[in-house]
Amino acid sequence: MPSKKETLWYVSGLHFECMQCGGCCSGPAEGYIWVSRQEIQIIADFLKITPGQLRQEYLRRVGLRTTVIEKPNTKDCIFLQEAGGQKACTIYPVRPSQCRSWPFWASNLASPNSWNKAAQKCSGINRGRHYSFEEIEEISKKKGMATKTQSHEERRNKSELK
């Protein structure tokens, strides 16, 4: 039986460089940006507010989990701000692991077509730094995305939890 490495289409690695364009953080569909208790504390510290203030102003509960809220009109992440015609993440240095592991989500890695579909929204895919197969797998596992993350479009579709 072939090893996992032999059966995955990205065995030679992939290129990605975050362009900080906000494409992965933008609507138009609603979605979830899950945050852990530890990430809540780190983000609160970064913003110089209490975790309680962060929860009240920027987060909401969905079942047993906590997600970052979105702007009502655009469905963009609340931390994605526009300044001078550019979109930027105001918490980029401490962004949640779900954001850090983009685009190496299981759904994007499912096939070359899935990867290229994600590239239509993210101009950093297929350019810049080369990530080896091993690096991609490590990012996916470390961030808990290899088996737990839905596709980017599925993540942005709240009908899953209704």
N, C-alpha and C. Protein backbone atom coordinates (compact mmCIF):
# COMPACT_ATOMS: atom_id res chain seq x y z
N MET A 1 0.85 -1.19 0.00
CA MET A 1 0.00 0.00 0.00
C MET A 1 0.89 1.25 0.00
N PRO A 2 0.59 2.23 -0.86
CA PRO A 2 1.41 3.44 -0.92
C PRO A 2 1.31 4.25 0.37
N SER A 3 2.39 4.94 0.70
CA SER A 3 2.38 5.80 1.88
C SER A 3 1.51 7.02 1.62
N LYS A 4 1.15 7.71 2.69
CA LYS A 4 0.34 8.92 2.57
C LYS A 4 1.03 9.92 1.64
N LYS A 5 2.35 10.04 1.79
CA LYS A 5 3.10 10.99 0.98
C LYS A 5 3.01 10.65 -0.50
N GLU A 6 3.00 9.37 -0.83
CA GLU A 6 2.94 8.95 -2.23
C GLU A 6 1.57 9.17 -2.85
N THR A 7 0.52 9.25 -2.04
CA THR A 7 -0.82 9.36 -2.58
C THR A 7 -1.36 10.79 -2.66
N LEU A 8 -0.70 11.73 -2.03
CA LEU A 8 -1.21 13.10 -2.03
C LEU A 8 -0.62 13.89 -3.21
N TRP A 9 -1.47 14.65 -3.86
CA TRP A 9 -1.09 15.36 -5.08
C TRP A 9 -0.03 16.44 -4.83
N TYR A 10 0.09 16.94 -3.62
CA TYR A 10 1.03 18.02 -3.33
C TYR A 10 2.34 17.51 -2.72
N VAL A 11 2.69 16.28 -3.05
CA VAL A 11 3.90 15.65 -2.51
C VAL A 11 5.16 16.48 -2.80
N SER A 12 5.17 17.24 -3.88
CA SER A 12 6.32 18.08 -4.23
C SER A 12 6.27 19.44 -3.55
N GLY A 13 5.23 19.68 -2.75
CA GLY A 13 5.09 20.95 -2.05
C GLY A 13 4.24 21.94 -2.82
N LEU A 14 4.03 23.08 -2.22
CA LEU A 14 3.20 24.14 -2.79
C LEU A 14 3.80 25.50 -2.47
N HIS A 15 3.42 26.47 -3.28
CA HIS A 15 3.87 27.84 -3.06
C HIS A 15 2.75 28.68 -2.45
N PHE A 16 3.15 29.50 -1.48
CA PHE A 16 2.20 30.43 -0.88
C PHE A 16 2.97 31.57 -0.23
N GLU A 17 2.43 32.76 -0.40
CA GLU A 17 2.95 33.96 0.27
C GLU A 17 1.76 34.84 0.61
N CYS A 18 1.55 35.09 1.89
CA CYS A 18 0.42 35.93 2.29
C CYS A 18 0.62 37.34 1.74
N MET A 19 -0.35 37.80 0.99
CA MET A 19 -0.31 39.14 0.41
C MET A 19 -1.03 40.15 1.31
N GLN A 20 -1.59 39.65 2.42
CA GLN A 20 -2.35 40.46 3.36
C GLN A 20 -3.42 41.30 2.65
N CYS A 21 -4.09 40.64 1.69
CA CYS A 21 -5.14 41.31 0.92
C CYS A 21 -6.50 41.22 1.59
N GLY A 22 -6.65 40.27 2.52
CA GLY A 22 -7.92 40.11 3.20
C GLY A 22 -8.90 39.22 2.47
N GLY A 23 -8.51 38.64 1.36
CA GLY A 23 -9.42 37.78 0.59
C GLY A 23 -9.95 36.61 1.40
N CYS A 24 -9.11 36.04 2.25
CA CYS A 24 -9.54 34.89 3.05
C CYS A 24 -10.38 35.32 4.26
N CYS A 25 -10.44 36.61 4.51
CA CYS A 25 -11.16 37.15 5.68
C CYS A 25 -12.46 37.85 5.30
N SER A 26 -12.78 37.83 4.02
CA SER A 26 -13.89 38.62 3.51
C SER A 26 -15.11 37.78 3.19
N GLY A 27 -16.29 38.43 3.22
CA GLY A 27 -17.54 37.81 2.83
C GLY A 27 -17.52 37.48 1.35
N PRO A 28 -18.62 37.30 0.71
CA PRO A 28 -19.93 37.80 1.10
C PRO A 28 -20.74 36.87 2.00
N ALA A 29 -20.36 35.59 2.11
CA ALA A 29 -21.10 34.66 2.95
C ALA A 29 -20.64 34.77 4.40
N GLU A 30 -21.54 34.37 5.30
CA GLU A 30 -21.19 34.35 6.72
C GLU A 30 -20.32 33.14 7.00
N GLY A 31 -19.60 33.17 8.10
CA GLY A 31 -18.76 32.04 8.46
C GLY A 31 -18.33 32.09 9.91
N TYR A 32 -17.34 31.28 10.22
CA TYR A 32 -16.83 31.17 11.58
C TYR A 32 -15.32 31.27 11.57
N ILE A 33 -14.80 32.01 12.52
CA ILE A 33 -13.38 32.06 12.79
C ILE A 33 -13.27 31.63 14.25
N TRP A 34 -13.03 30.34 14.45
CA TRP A 34 -13.01 29.78 15.79
C TRP A 34 -11.78 30.24 16.57
N VAL A 35 -11.99 30.54 17.85
CA VAL A 35 -10.88 30.94 18.72
C VAL A 35 -10.93 30.12 20.01
N SER A 36 -9.77 29.77 20.50
CA SER A 36 -9.64 29.03 21.76
C SER A 36 -9.53 30.01 22.92
N ARG A 37 -9.62 29.50 24.12
CA ARG A 37 -9.46 30.36 25.31
C ARG A 37 -8.08 31.02 25.32
N GLN A 38 -7.06 30.24 24.96
CA GLN A 38 -5.70 30.78 24.93
C GLN A 38 -5.59 31.90 23.89
N GLU A 39 -6.19 31.71 22.72
CA GLU A 39 -6.15 32.75 21.68
C GLU A 39 -6.92 33.98 22.12
N ILE A 40 -8.00 33.80 22.84
CA ILE A 40 -8.77 34.94 23.36
C ILE A 40 -7.89 35.78 24.28
N GLN A 41 -7.15 35.13 25.14
CA GLN A 41 -6.26 35.85 26.06
C GLN A 41 -5.17 36.59 25.27
N ILE A 42 -4.58 35.94 24.30
CA ILE A 42 -3.50 36.54 23.51
C ILE A 42 -4.01 37.75 22.72
N ILE A 43 -5.17 37.62 22.12
CA ILE A 43 -5.74 38.72 21.34
C ILE A 43 -6.11 39.88 22.28
N ALA A 44 -6.71 39.55 23.41
CA ALA A 44 -7.07 40.61 24.38
C ALA A 44 -5.83 41.36 24.84
N ASP A 45 -4.78 40.63 25.17
CA ASP A 45 -3.53 41.28 25.58
C ASP A 45 -3.00 42.19 24.48
N PHE A 46 -3.05 41.72 23.25
CA PHE A 46 -2.57 42.50 22.11
C PHE A 46 -3.37 43.80 21.96
N LEU A 47 -4.68 43.70 22.16
CA LEU A 47 -5.55 44.88 22.03
C LEU A 47 -5.60 45.72 23.31
N LYS A 48 -4.93 45.24 24.35
CA LYS A 48 -4.88 45.93 25.63
C LYS A 48 -6.28 46.10 26.24
N ILE A 49 -7.05 45.01 26.17
CA ILE A 49 -8.37 44.96 26.80
C ILE A 49 -8.46 43.64 27.56
N THR A 50 -9.50 43.49 28.36
CA THR A 50 -9.66 42.23 29.10
C THR A 50 -10.30 41.18 28.18
N PRO A 51 -10.11 39.90 28.50
CA PRO A 51 -10.80 38.86 27.72
C PRO A 51 -12.32 39.06 27.74
N GLY A 52 -12.86 39.54 28.85
CA GLY A 52 -14.30 39.82 28.92
C GLY A 52 -14.72 40.89 27.93
N GLN A 53 -13.92 41.95 27.83
CA GLN A 53 -14.22 43.01 26.86
C GLN A 53 -14.12 42.47 25.43
N LEU A 54 -13.12 41.66 25.18
CA LEU A 54 -12.97 41.06 23.85
C LEU A 54 -14.20 40.23 23.52
N ARG A 55 -14.62 39.39 24.46
CA ARG A 55 -15.81 38.54 24.23
C ARG A 55 -17.05 39.40 23.96
N GLN A 56 -17.20 40.47 24.72
CA GLN A 56 -18.38 41.32 24.58
C GLN A 56 -18.41 42.09 23.27
N GLU A 57 -17.25 42.58 22.84
CA GLU A 57 -17.21 43.46 21.67
C GLU A 57 -16.92 42.74 20.34
N TYR A 58 -16.18 41.64 20.38
CA TYR A 58 -15.68 41.05 19.14
C TYR A 58 -15.98 39.57 18.93
N LEU A 59 -16.54 38.90 19.93
CA LEU A 59 -16.75 37.46 19.83
C LEU A 59 -18.19 37.10 20.13
N ARG A 60 -18.57 35.88 19.73
CA ARG A 60 -19.88 35.35 20.11
C ARG A 60 -19.79 33.84 20.23
N ARG A 61 -20.71 33.29 20.98
CA ARG A 61 -20.76 31.85 21.19
C ARG A 61 -21.64 31.21 20.12
N VAL A 62 -21.19 30.05 19.66
CA VAL A 62 -21.98 29.22 18.76
C VAL A 62 -21.88 27.81 19.34
N GLY A 63 -22.94 27.37 19.99
CA GLY A 63 -22.88 26.09 20.68
C GLY A 63 -21.85 26.19 21.80
N LEU A 64 -20.90 25.27 21.81
CA LEU A 64 -19.86 25.27 22.84
C LEU A 64 -18.59 25.98 22.41
N ARG A 65 -18.61 26.57 21.23
CA ARG A 65 -17.41 27.21 20.68
C ARG A 65 -17.58 28.72 20.62
N THR A 66 -16.46 29.41 20.39
CA THR A 66 -16.46 30.86 20.30
C THR A 66 -15.90 31.26 18.94
N THR A 67 -16.55 32.22 18.29
CA THR A 67 -16.12 32.70 16.99
C THR A 67 -16.00 34.21 16.99
N VAL A 68 -15.15 34.71 16.12
CA VAL A 68 -15.03 36.14 15.91
C VAL A 68 -16.27 36.61 15.16
N ILE A 69 -16.81 37.76 15.52
CA ILE A 69 -17.98 38.28 14.82
C ILE A 69 -17.57 38.88 13.48
N GLU A 70 -18.58 39.10 12.65
CA GLU A 70 -18.36 39.68 11.34
C GLU A 70 -19.09 41.01 11.22
N LYS A 71 -18.64 41.82 10.29
CA LYS A 71 -19.34 43.08 10.01
C LYS A 71 -20.68 42.74 9.38
N PRO A 72 -21.75 43.36 9.85
CA PRO A 72 -23.10 42.98 9.39
C PRO A 72 -23.32 43.13 7.88
N ASN A 73 -22.80 44.17 7.28
CA ASN A 73 -23.09 44.42 5.85
C ASN A 73 -22.23 43.61 4.90
N THR A 74 -20.95 43.43 5.24
CA THR A 74 -20.02 42.78 4.31
C THR A 74 -19.72 41.33 4.67
N LYS A 75 -19.98 40.95 5.91
CA LYS A 75 -19.62 39.64 6.46
C LYS A 75 -18.11 39.44 6.53
N ASP A 76 -17.35 40.54 6.44
CA ASP A 76 -15.90 40.49 6.65
C ASP A 76 -15.62 40.28 8.13
N CYS A 77 -14.50 39.68 8.44
CA CYS A 77 -14.06 39.55 9.82
C CYS A 77 -14.00 40.94 10.45
N ILE A 78 -14.43 41.04 11.69
CA ILE A 78 -14.46 42.33 12.39
C ILE A 78 -13.07 42.95 12.52
N PHE A 79 -12.03 42.12 12.48
CA PHE A 79 -10.66 42.63 12.61
C PHE A 79 -10.05 43.02 11.26
N LEU A 80 -10.78 42.83 10.18
CA LEU A 80 -10.30 43.26 8.86
C LEU A 80 -10.75 44.70 8.66
N GLN A 81 -9.79 45.59 8.61
CA GLN A 81 -10.09 47.02 8.48
C GLN A 81 -9.51 47.57 7.19
N GLU A 82 -10.17 48.58 6.65
CA GLU A 82 -9.68 49.22 5.44
C GLU A 82 -9.05 50.56 5.80
N ALA A 83 -7.87 50.77 5.25
CA ALA A 83 -7.18 52.04 5.46
C ALA A 83 -6.40 52.37 4.20
N GLY A 84 -6.67 53.53 3.64
CA GLY A 84 -5.96 53.96 2.44
C GLY A 84 -6.20 53.05 1.25
N GLY A 85 -7.40 52.50 1.15
CA GLY A 85 -7.73 51.62 0.03
C GLY A 85 -7.20 50.20 0.18
N GLN A 86 -6.55 49.90 1.28
CA GLN A 86 -6.00 48.56 1.54
C GLN A 86 -6.72 47.94 2.72
N LYS A 87 -6.97 46.63 2.63
CA LYS A 87 -7.53 45.91 3.76
C LYS A 87 -6.39 45.30 4.55
N ALA A 88 -6.51 45.34 5.87
CA ALA A 88 -5.47 44.78 6.72
C ALA A 88 -6.08 44.20 7.99
N CYS A 89 -5.49 43.14 8.48
CA CYS A 89 -5.91 42.52 9.73
C CYS A 89 -5.29 43.29 10.89
N THR A 90 -6.13 43.78 11.78
CA THR A 90 -5.63 44.58 12.89
C THR A 90 -5.00 43.72 13.99
N ILE A 91 -5.19 42.40 13.90
CA ILE A 91 -4.58 41.50 14.89
C ILE A 91 -3.64 40.50 14.21
N TYR A 92 -3.13 40.84 13.05
CA TYR A 92 -2.32 39.91 12.26
C TYR A 92 -1.22 39.21 13.06
N PRO A 93 -0.45 39.90 13.90
CA PRO A 93 0.62 39.20 14.63
C PRO A 93 0.10 38.13 15.60
N VAL A 94 -1.16 38.25 16.03
CA VAL A 94 -1.73 37.30 17.00
C VAL A 94 -3.01 36.65 16.47
N ARG A 95 -3.17 36.63 15.16
CA ARG A 95 -4.38 36.07 14.56
C ARG A 95 -4.58 34.61 14.98
N PRO A 96 -5.84 34.14 15.02
CA PRO A 96 -6.12 32.76 15.45
C PRO A 96 -5.43 31.71 14.56
N SER A 97 -5.25 30.53 15.11
CA SER A 97 -4.59 29.45 14.37
C SER A 97 -5.33 29.11 13.09
N GLN A 98 -6.64 29.23 13.09
CA GLN A 98 -7.41 28.97 11.87
C GLN A 98 -6.94 29.90 10.75
N CYS A 99 -6.66 31.13 11.08
CA CYS A 99 -6.18 32.10 10.10
C CYS A 99 -4.71 31.82 9.73
N ARG A 100 -3.91 31.47 10.73
CA ARG A 100 -2.48 31.20 10.49
C ARG A 100 -2.25 30.03 9.56
N SER A 101 -3.13 29.06 9.58
CA SER A 101 -2.92 27.86 8.78
C SER A 101 -3.45 27.98 7.35
N TRP A 102 -4.16 29.06 7.03
CA TRP A 102 -4.60 29.29 5.66
C TRP A 102 -3.38 29.40 4.77
N PRO A 103 -3.36 28.84 3.59
CA PRO A 103 -4.39 28.08 2.89
C PRO A 103 -4.26 26.57 3.03
N PHE A 104 -3.47 26.12 4.01
CA PHE A 104 -3.20 24.69 4.13
C PHE A 104 -4.28 23.96 4.92
N TRP A 105 -5.52 24.16 4.50
CA TRP A 105 -6.67 23.49 5.09
C TRP A 105 -6.95 22.23 4.29
N ALA A 106 -7.46 21.22 4.95
CA ALA A 106 -7.75 19.93 4.31
C ALA A 106 -8.60 20.12 3.06
N SER A 107 -9.56 21.00 3.11
CA SER A 107 -10.45 21.21 1.96
C SER A 107 -9.69 21.79 0.77
N ASN A 108 -8.74 22.67 1.02
CA ASN A 108 -7.95 23.25 -0.07
C ASN A 108 -6.93 22.25 -0.60
N LEU A 109 -6.52 21.32 0.23
CA LEU A 109 -5.52 20.33 -0.15
C LEU A 109 -6.14 19.06 -0.74
N ALA A 110 -7.46 19.02 -0.81
CA ALA A 110 -8.15 17.80 -1.27
C ALA A 110 -7.79 17.43 -2.70
N SER A 111 -7.57 18.41 -3.54
CA SER A 111 -7.25 18.14 -4.95
C SER A 111 -6.63 19.39 -5.57
N PRO A 112 -5.97 19.22 -6.71
CA PRO A 112 -5.46 20.41 -7.40
C PRO A 112 -6.58 21.40 -7.74
N ASN A 113 -7.76 20.89 -8.08
CA ASN A 113 -8.88 21.78 -8.39
C ASN A 113 -9.30 22.60 -7.17
N SER A 114 -9.33 21.96 -5.99
CA SER A 114 -9.67 22.68 -4.76
C SER A 114 -8.65 23.77 -4.46
N TRP A 115 -7.38 23.44 -4.64
CA TRP A 115 -6.30 24.40 -4.41
C TRP A 115 -6.44 25.59 -5.36
N ASN A 116 -6.68 25.30 -6.62
CA ASN A 116 -6.79 26.38 -7.62
C ASN A 116 -8.07 27.19 -7.45
N LYS A 117 -9.12 26.57 -6.94
CA LYS A 117 -10.34 27.33 -6.64
C LYS A 117 -10.07 28.32 -5.50
N ALA A 118 -9.34 27.87 -4.48
CA ALA A 118 -8.97 28.77 -3.37
C ALA A 118 -8.10 29.91 -3.90
N ALA A 119 -7.27 29.62 -4.90
CA ALA A 119 -6.38 30.63 -5.48
C ALA A 119 -7.17 31.74 -6.18
N GLN A 120 -8.38 31.46 -6.59
CA GLN A 120 -9.21 32.50 -7.23
C GLN A 120 -9.56 33.60 -6.24
N LYS A 121 -9.62 33.26 -4.96
CA LYS A 121 -9.94 34.25 -3.93
C LYS A 121 -8.68 34.78 -3.25
N CYS A 122 -7.59 34.01 -3.31
CA CYS A 122 -6.37 34.34 -2.60
C CYS A 122 -5.21 34.46 -3.58
N SER A 123 -4.75 35.67 -3.81
CA SER A 123 -3.68 35.90 -4.79
C SER A 123 -2.32 35.40 -4.32
N GLY A 124 -2.20 35.01 -3.05
CA GLY A 124 -0.93 34.50 -2.54
C GLY A 124 -0.69 33.03 -2.82
N ILE A 125 -1.74 32.32 -3.22
CA ILE A 125 -1.60 30.90 -3.55
C ILE A 125 -0.91 30.77 -4.90
N ASN A 126 0.03 29.83 -4.97
CA ASN A 126 0.83 29.55 -6.17
C ASN A 126 1.89 30.61 -6.45
N ARG A 127 2.28 31.34 -5.43
CA ARG A 127 3.36 32.31 -5.59
C ARG A 127 4.17 32.36 -4.30
N GLY A 128 5.35 32.90 -4.38
CA GLY A 128 6.16 33.10 -3.19
C GLY A 128 6.84 31.85 -2.68
N ARG A 129 6.96 31.78 -1.38
CA ARG A 129 7.73 30.73 -0.70
C ARG A 129 7.21 29.33 -1.04
N HIS A 130 8.16 28.41 -1.19
CA HIS A 130 7.82 27.01 -1.41
C HIS A 130 7.72 26.32 -0.06
N TYR A 131 6.61 25.64 0.19
CA TYR A 131 6.42 24.83 1.39
C TYR A 131 6.53 23.37 0.99
N SER A 132 7.38 22.64 1.68
CA SER A 132 7.54 21.22 1.39
C SER A 132 6.31 20.46 1.88
N PHE A 133 6.18 19.24 1.40
CA PHE A 133 5.11 18.36 1.86
C PHE A 133 5.11 18.27 3.38
N GLU A 134 6.27 18.06 3.95
CA GLU A 134 6.39 17.91 5.40
C GLU A 134 5.96 19.19 6.14
N GLU A 135 6.33 20.34 5.62
CA GLU A 135 5.92 21.61 6.24
C GLU A 135 4.40 21.78 6.18
N ILE A 136 3.83 21.44 5.05
CA ILE A 136 2.37 21.54 4.89
C ILE A 136 1.66 20.64 5.88
N GLU A 137 2.12 19.41 5.99
CA GLU A 137 1.51 18.47 6.93
C GLU A 137 1.65 18.96 8.36
N GLU A 138 2.81 19.51 8.71
CA GLU A 138 3.04 20.02 10.06
C GLU A 138 2.11 21.20 10.36
N ILE A 139 1.98 22.12 9.42
CA ILE A 139 1.08 23.26 9.60
C ILE A 139 -0.35 22.76 9.80
N SER A 140 -0.77 21.84 8.97
CA SER A 140 -2.13 21.29 9.06
C SER A 140 -2.36 20.61 10.41
N LYS A 141 -1.42 19.81 10.85
CA LYS A 141 -1.58 19.09 12.11
C LYS A 141 -1.49 20.01 13.31
N LYS A 142 -0.50 20.89 13.31
CA LYS A 142 -0.28 21.79 14.43
C LYS A 142 -1.48 22.70 14.65
N LYS A 143 -2.09 23.10 13.59
CA LYS A 143 -3.22 24.01 13.70
C LYS A 143 -4.55 23.27 13.81
N GLY A 144 -4.52 21.94 13.78
CA GLY A 144 -5.76 21.18 13.93
C GLY A 144 -6.67 21.27 12.74
N MET A 145 -6.12 21.62 11.57
CA MET A 145 -6.95 21.82 10.41
C MET A 145 -7.01 20.59 9.49
N ALA A 146 -6.10 19.67 9.63
CA ALA A 146 -6.00 18.55 8.69
C ALA A 146 -7.30 17.76 8.62
N THR A 147 -7.96 17.55 9.75
CA THR A 147 -9.18 16.76 9.73
C THR A 147 -10.40 17.52 10.20
N LYS A 148 -10.22 18.70 10.76
CA LYS A 148 -11.34 19.39 11.39
C LYS A 148 -11.92 20.53 10.58
N THR A 149 -11.21 21.07 9.63
CA THR A 149 -11.66 22.27 8.94
C THR A 149 -12.49 21.94 7.72
N GLN A 150 -13.61 22.63 7.59
CA GLN A 150 -14.40 22.51 6.39
C GLN A 150 -13.76 23.37 5.31
N SER A 151 -14.25 23.25 4.10
CA SER A 151 -13.72 24.10 3.04
C SER A 151 -13.98 25.56 3.38
N HIS A 152 -13.22 26.44 2.75
CA HIS A 152 -13.36 27.86 3.01
C HIS A 152 -14.80 28.31 2.78
N GLU A 153 -15.41 27.87 1.69
CA GLU A 153 -16.79 28.27 1.41
C GLU A 153 -17.75 27.61 2.39
N GLU A 154 -17.51 26.35 2.76
CA GLU A 154 -18.36 25.69 3.74
C GLU A 154 -18.26 26.39 5.08
N ARG A 155 -17.03 26.78 5.46
CA ARG A 155 -16.81 27.47 6.72
C ARG A 155 -17.61 28.75 6.75
N ARG A 156 -17.73 29.37 5.61
CA ARG A 156 -18.41 30.66 5.53
C ARG A 156 -19.92 30.47 5.39
N ASN A 157 -20.41 29.24 5.45
CA ASN A 157 -21.82 28.98 5.26
C ASN A 157 -22.43 28.49 6.57
N LYS A 158 -23.22 29.31 7.20
CA LYS A 158 -23.76 28.98 8.51
C LYS A 158 -24.83 27.90 8.47
N SER A 159 -25.31 27.54 7.31
CA SER A 159 -26.37 26.56 7.26
C SER A 159 -25.93 25.22 7.83
N GLU A 160 -24.63 24.99 7.95
CA GLU A 160 -24.13 23.72 8.50
C GLU A 160 -24.59 23.50 9.94
N LEU A 161 -24.68 24.55 10.71
CA LEU A 161 -25.00 24.40 12.12
C LEU A 161 -26.47 24.71 12.44
N LYS A 162 -27.27 24.94 11.43
CA LYS A 162 -28.68 25.26 11.68
C LYS A 162 -29.49 24.00 11.83
